[in-house]
Amino acid sequence: MKNQWINRAGIVLVAAMIATGLNAQSPGKGHRGLAQNLSLELSEEQQAQMTGLRTAHFKTMNPLQNKMAELKAKERTLLSEEQVDMKAIYNVIDEQTALLNKIRKLQAEHRVNVRGILTDEQVMKMELRRHPANRPGRHGNNSSRPAFRGGPYHKNVG
């Protein structure tokens, strides 16, 4: 009888942990583009153009993002050495800055290309989704709870 109770309690505990884990995951993360396309009501031609743009952008960005990850790893390695070579660290930081500049320019170009495919109404919907503070009735705070203003590290000012 005692073993049955322990087994049932274990099953209930495991089920509760699984339910909590599933509930904690954000819905739609990683699939944002698809969800946006559905709510923007893209025509088939627009969908085909978007797929082409997205594929080309991915092929351009993926090697750059991989290079950035390598540079960050190299920086961590240089910083962890016993004799830190600041000149080498500065060179890596300069490479990261140049690469980030290139990435940001490509992202801006991609965004302009995407906007070129959309109608004015679709652009408006996309921008409202991107900047929640611009939505009617919103004041930039999506949270229904006030920000936490206490704790040992918070300094009350004013």
Protein backbone atom coordinates (compact mmCIF):
# COMPACT_ATOMS: atom_id res chain seq x y z
CA MET A 1 0.00 0.00 0.00
CA LYS A 2 2.81 2.36 0.92
CA ASN A 3 4.63 1.60 -2.36
CA GLN A 4 1.49 2.31 -4.38
CA TRP A 5 1.13 5.66 -2.66
CA ILE A 6 4.77 6.56 -3.36
CA ASN A 7 4.41 5.51 -7.02
CA ARG A 8 1.25 7.58 -7.46
CA ALA A 9 2.84 10.59 -5.76
CA GLY A 10 5.85 10.25 -8.05
CA ILE A 11 3.63 10.09 -11.15
CA VAL A 12 1.69 13.16 -10.03
CA LEU A 13 4.94 15.01 -9.34
CA VAL A 14 6.38 14.15 -12.76
CA ALA A 15 3.13 15.16 -14.48
CA ALA A 16 3.12 18.48 -12.63
CA MET A 17 6.74 19.14 -13.62
CA ILE A 18 5.98 18.37 -17.28
CA ALA A 19 2.92 20.62 -17.26
CA THR A 20 4.89 23.44 -15.64
CA GLY A 21 7.69 23.07 -18.19
CA LEU A 22 5.29 23.12 -21.12
CA ASN A 23 3.48 26.14 -19.73
CA ALA A 24 6.75 28.05 -19.20
CA GLN A 25 7.75 27.86 -22.86
CA SER A 26 6.90 30.93 -24.90
CA PRO A 27 4.49 30.13 -27.71
CA GLY A 28 5.65 30.98 -31.19
CA LYS A 29 9.26 31.83 -30.41
CA GLY A 30 11.41 31.05 -33.38
CA HIS A 31 8.41 31.01 -35.72
CA ARG A 32 7.73 34.72 -35.62
CA GLY A 33 8.10 35.27 -39.36
CA LEU A 34 5.41 32.72 -40.18
CA ALA A 35 3.03 34.13 -37.59
CA GLN A 36 3.59 37.65 -38.87
CA ASN A 37 2.92 36.57 -42.46
CA LEU A 38 -0.38 35.01 -41.42
CA SER A 39 -1.60 38.14 -39.68
CA LEU A 40 -0.34 40.42 -42.47
CA GLU A 41 -2.44 38.47 -44.98
CA LEU A 42 0.28 38.26 -47.63
CA SER A 43 -0.68 37.38 -51.18
CA GLU A 44 0.93 34.30 -52.71
CA GLU A 45 3.24 36.52 -54.75
CA GLN A 46 4.27 38.41 -51.59
CA GLN A 47 4.87 35.11 -49.78
CA ALA A 48 7.12 33.91 -52.59
CA GLN A 49 9.04 37.20 -52.59
CA MET A 50 9.39 37.07 -48.79
CA THR A 51 10.68 33.51 -48.94
CA GLY A 52 13.27 34.56 -51.49
CA LEU A 53 14.35 37.56 -49.42
CA ARG A 54 14.46 35.54 -46.21
CA THR A 55 16.54 32.79 -47.83
CA ALA A 56 19.01 35.23 -49.37
CA HIS A 57 19.27 37.13 -46.07
CA PHE A 58 19.89 33.91 -44.14
CA LYS A 59 22.62 32.83 -46.57
CA THR A 60 24.31 36.20 -46.14
CA MET A 61 23.88 36.51 -42.37
CA ASN A 62 24.65 32.98 -41.21
CA PRO A 63 28.40 33.09 -41.95
CA LEU A 64 28.64 36.56 -40.39
CA GLN A 65 26.87 35.41 -37.22
CA ASN A 66 29.14 32.35 -37.06
CA LYS A 67 32.18 34.61 -37.41
CA MET A 68 30.86 36.82 -34.60
CA ALA A 69 30.49 33.77 -32.35
CA GLU A 70 34.09 32.79 -33.16
CA LEU A 71 35.33 36.28 -32.32
CA LYS A 72 33.48 36.29 -29.01
CA ALA A 73 34.96 32.90 -28.14
CA LYS A 74 38.43 34.19 -29.10
CA GLU A 75 37.91 37.22 -26.86
CA ARG A 76 36.91 34.99 -23.93
CA THR A 77 39.99 32.84 -24.53
CA LEU A 78 42.29 35.86 -24.63
CA LEU A 79 40.75 37.25 -21.45
CA SER A 80 41.19 33.94 -19.63
CA GLU A 81 44.93 33.65 -20.31
CA GLU A 82 47.33 34.18 -17.47
CA GLN A 83 49.27 36.86 -19.37
CA VAL A 84 46.56 38.99 -20.96
CA ASP A 85 47.56 40.53 -24.30
CA MET A 86 45.52 43.74 -24.42
CA LYS A 87 46.61 44.52 -27.98
CA ALA A 88 45.19 41.19 -29.19
CA ILE A 89 41.97 41.80 -27.23
CA TYR A 90 41.62 45.27 -28.76
CA ASN A 91 42.14 43.80 -32.24
CA VAL A 92 39.39 41.22 -31.63
CA ILE A 93 37.06 43.93 -30.34
CA ASP A 94 37.78 46.01 -33.44
CA GLU A 95 36.96 43.01 -35.64
CA GLN A 96 33.71 42.48 -33.73
CA THR A 97 32.79 46.14 -34.15
CA ALA A 98 33.45 46.08 -37.90
CA LEU A 99 31.48 42.85 -38.28
CA LEU A 100 28.57 44.17 -36.20
CA ASN A 101 28.52 47.29 -38.39
CA LYS A 102 28.27 45.11 -41.49
CA ILE A 103 25.54 42.95 -39.91
CA ARG A 104 23.47 46.00 -38.89
CA LYS A 105 23.71 47.48 -42.40
CA LEU A 106 22.58 44.19 -43.95
CA GLN A 107 19.68 43.98 -41.47
CA ALA A 108 18.59 47.52 -42.35
CA GLU A 109 18.80 46.71 -46.07
CA HIS A 110 16.74 43.55 -45.55
CA ARG A 111 14.11 45.46 -43.60
CA VAL A 112 13.80 48.04 -46.38
CA ASN A 113 13.50 45.24 -48.96
CA VAL A 114 10.75 43.57 -46.92
CA ARG A 115 8.87 46.86 -46.61
CA GLY A 116 9.13 47.25 -50.39
CA ILE A 117 7.07 44.08 -50.84
CA LEU A 118 4.29 45.12 -48.44
CA THR A 119 1.34 47.41 -48.97
CA ASP A 120 1.02 50.55 -46.82
CA GLU A 121 -1.54 48.82 -44.57
CA GLN A 122 0.72 45.80 -44.10
CA VAL A 123 3.67 48.05 -43.25
CA MET A 124 1.53 49.83 -40.67
CA LYS A 125 0.49 46.50 -39.07
CA MET A 126 4.11 45.34 -39.01
CA GLU A 127 5.33 48.56 -37.40
CA LEU A 128 2.58 48.52 -34.78
CA ARG A 129 3.52 44.95 -33.89
CA ARG A 130 7.21 45.83 -33.76
CA HIS A 131 6.72 48.87 -31.50
CA PRO A 132 4.05 48.10 -28.88
CA ALA A 133 4.24 51.64 -27.45
CA ASN A 134 2.74 52.95 -30.71
CA ARG A 135 -0.42 50.88 -30.34
CA PRO A 136 -3.54 52.83 -29.43
CA GLY A 137 -4.24 52.66 -25.70
CA ARG A 138 -0.72 51.52 -24.83
CA HIS A 139 1.91 53.49 -23.04
CA GLY A 140 4.93 51.29 -23.70
CA ASN A 141 4.46 48.89 -20.82
CA ASN A 142 3.04 45.51 -21.80
CA SER A 143 3.06 44.32 -18.21
CA SER A 144 -0.05 44.50 -16.08
CA ARG A 145 2.13 44.50 -12.96
CA PRO A 146 4.13 47.49 -11.75
CA ALA A 147 7.91 47.23 -11.90
CA PHE A 148 9.62 45.89 -8.77
CA ARG A 149 11.12 48.82 -6.90
CA GLY A 150 12.51 47.17 -3.79
CA GLY A 151 15.21 44.82 -2.69
CA PRO A 152 18.69 45.19 -1.30
CA TYR A 153 20.23 46.61 -4.49
CA HIS A 154 17.58 49.17 -5.38
CA LYS A 155 18.20 52.75 -4.40
CA ASN A 156 15.00 54.74 -3.92
CA VAL A 157 15.51 58.08 -5.53
CA GLY A 158 13.03 60.91 -5.50
